[in-house]
Amino acid sequence: MKYKVHRFDINMEEDQFRLEKFLNGLKGEIASIIPNVKPTFMGMGATAKVNFLYVIEKIQL
């Protein structure tokens, strides 16, 4: 079994269709999607944002 890791930079408010196109374009099976969650502090308090995803693709031999 072989795997390939893709890094997908994302803006959660704007990139839904770009992510969908990317995922549908993969040849193998998606094994996992791991978000990179970054804490962000704003005037009203703390929040978190996802700035990129790791997409692990299982490649069929």
C-alpha atoms as a PDB file:
ATOM      1  CA  MET A   1       0.000   0.000   0.000  1.00  0.00           C
ATOM      2  CA  LYS A   2       1.337   3.450  -0.892  1.00  0.00           C
ATOM      3  CA  TYR A   3       0.156   6.819   0.356  1.00  0.00           C
ATOM      4  CA  LYS A   4       0.591  10.354  -0.906  1.00  0.00           C
ATOM      5  CA  VAL A   5       0.180  13.430   1.296  1.00  0.00           C
ATOM      6  CA  HIS A   6      -1.171  16.626  -0.271  1.00  0.00           C
ATOM      7  CA  ARG A   7      -1.142  20.035   1.419  1.00  0.00           C
ATOM      8  CA  PHE A   8      -4.197  22.116   0.511  1.00  0.00           C
ATOM      9  CA  ASP A   9      -4.110  25.798   1.543  1.00  0.00           C
ATOM     10  CA  ILE A  10      -7.635  26.933   2.301  1.00  0.00           C
ATOM     11  CA  ASN A  11      -9.720  29.924   3.255  1.00  0.00           C
ATOM     12  CA  MET A  12     -12.768  28.285   4.850  1.00  0.00           C
ATOM     13  CA  GLU A  13     -15.187  31.024   3.767  1.00  0.00           C
ATOM     14  CA  GLU A  14     -14.233  31.006   0.077  1.00  0.00           C
ATOM     15  CA  ASP A  15     -12.678  27.694  -1.025  1.00  0.00           C
ATOM     16  CA  GLN A  16     -15.465  25.127  -0.720  1.00  0.00           C
ATOM     17  CA  PHE A  17     -15.793  24.588  -4.479  1.00  0.00           C
ATOM     18  CA  ARG A  18     -12.012  24.568  -5.012  1.00  0.00           C
ATOM     19  CA  LEU A  19     -11.679  21.842  -2.313  1.00  0.00           C
ATOM     20  CA  GLU A  20     -14.516  19.844  -3.873  1.00  0.00           C
ATOM     21  CA  LYS A  21     -12.840  20.008  -7.302  1.00  0.00           C
ATOM     22  CA  PHE A  22      -9.490  18.960  -5.793  1.00  0.00           C
ATOM     23  CA  LEU A  23     -10.990  15.968  -3.945  1.00  0.00           C
ATOM     24  CA  ASN A  24     -12.955  14.799  -6.991  1.00  0.00           C
ATOM     25  CA  GLY A  25      -9.766  15.003  -9.088  1.00  0.00           C
ATOM     26  CA  LEU A  26      -7.804  12.565  -6.938  1.00  0.00           C
ATOM     27  CA  LYS A  27      -7.167   9.168  -8.521  1.00  0.00           C
ATOM     28  CA  GLY A  28      -6.831   7.146  -5.309  1.00  0.00           C
ATOM     29  CA  GLU A  29      -8.983   6.739  -2.226  1.00  0.00           C
ATOM     30  CA  ILE A  30      -9.010   9.422   0.477  1.00  0.00           C
ATOM     31  CA  ALA A  31      -7.647   7.862   3.671  1.00  0.00           C
ATOM     32  CA  SER A  32      -7.809  10.951   5.886  1.00  0.00           C
ATOM     33  CA  ILE A  33      -8.162  14.726   5.953  1.00  0.00           C
ATOM     34  CA  ILE A  34      -6.280  16.484   8.753  1.00  0.00           C
ATOM     35  CA  PRO A  35      -6.950  20.199   9.387  1.00  0.00           C
ATOM     36  CA  ASN A  36      -4.252  22.511  10.747  1.00  0.00           C
ATOM     37  CA  VAL A  37      -6.120  24.520  13.381  1.00  0.00           C
ATOM     38  CA  LYS A  38      -4.476  27.806  14.344  1.00  0.00           C
ATOM     39  CA  PRO A  39      -5.673  29.684  17.453  1.00  0.00           C
ATOM     40  CA  THR A  40      -6.566  33.310  16.740  1.00  0.00           C
ATOM     41  CA  PHE A  41      -7.199  36.078  19.263  1.00  0.00           C
ATOM     42  CA  MET A  42      -9.673  38.796  18.335  1.00  0.00           C
ATOM     43  CA  GLY A  43     -11.090  41.807  20.204  1.00  0.00           C
ATOM     44  CA  MET A  44     -14.070  39.805  21.476  1.00  0.00           C
ATOM     45  CA  GLY A  45     -12.076  36.730  22.541  1.00  0.00           C
ATOM     46  CA  ALA A  46     -10.270  33.711  21.201  1.00  0.00           C
ATOM     47  CA  THR A  47     -11.272  31.624  18.199  1.00  0.00           C
ATOM     48  CA  ALA A  48      -9.600  29.195  15.819  1.00  0.00           C
ATOM     49  CA  LYS A  49      -9.088  29.098  12.058  1.00  0.00           C
ATOM     50  CA  VAL A  50      -8.107  26.349   9.650  1.00  0.00           C
ATOM     51  CA  ASN A  51      -5.390  27.632   7.319  1.00  0.00           C
ATOM     52  CA  PHE A  52      -4.542  24.385   5.488  1.00  0.00           C
ATOM     53  CA  LEU A  53      -5.503  20.723   5.233  1.00  0.00           C
ATOM     54  CA  TYR A  54      -3.404  17.614   4.823  1.00  0.00           C
ATOM     55  CA  VAL A  55      -5.174  15.175   2.500  1.00  0.00           C
ATOM     56  CA  ILE A  56      -3.823  11.610   2.659  1.00  0.00           C
ATOM     57  CA  GLU A  57      -4.511   9.655  -0.526  1.00  0.00           C
ATOM     58  CA  LYS A  58      -4.228   5.857  -0.671  1.00  0.00           C
ATOM     59  CA  ILE A  59      -2.724   4.901  -4.033  1.00  0.00           C
ATOM     60  CA  GLN A  60      -3.743   1.591  -5.616  1.00  0.00           C
ATOM     61  CA  LEU A  61      -0.826  -0.422  -7.039  1.00  0.00           C
END
